């Protein structure tokens, strides 16, 4: 695993980890359906790499990426 991979998390995994969706299938559906924003922009790539400080918005919730 590279340093960059250790400092990122896939959008779909972040949504599941934070409990914003219940399953990976739901994450895929929501992201590809244009329901998720990253840093204010609609994001349709479920494997989008998130870094600390990014802000994810879904279903009226705003969550800052941090670990």
Foldseek 3Di string as FASTA:
>chain_A
DDPLVVQWFFQLVVCCVVVVDPDSVVLLVCLLVQQKDKQRHGHNDRRPIDGAQIWMDHPHDIDGDDD
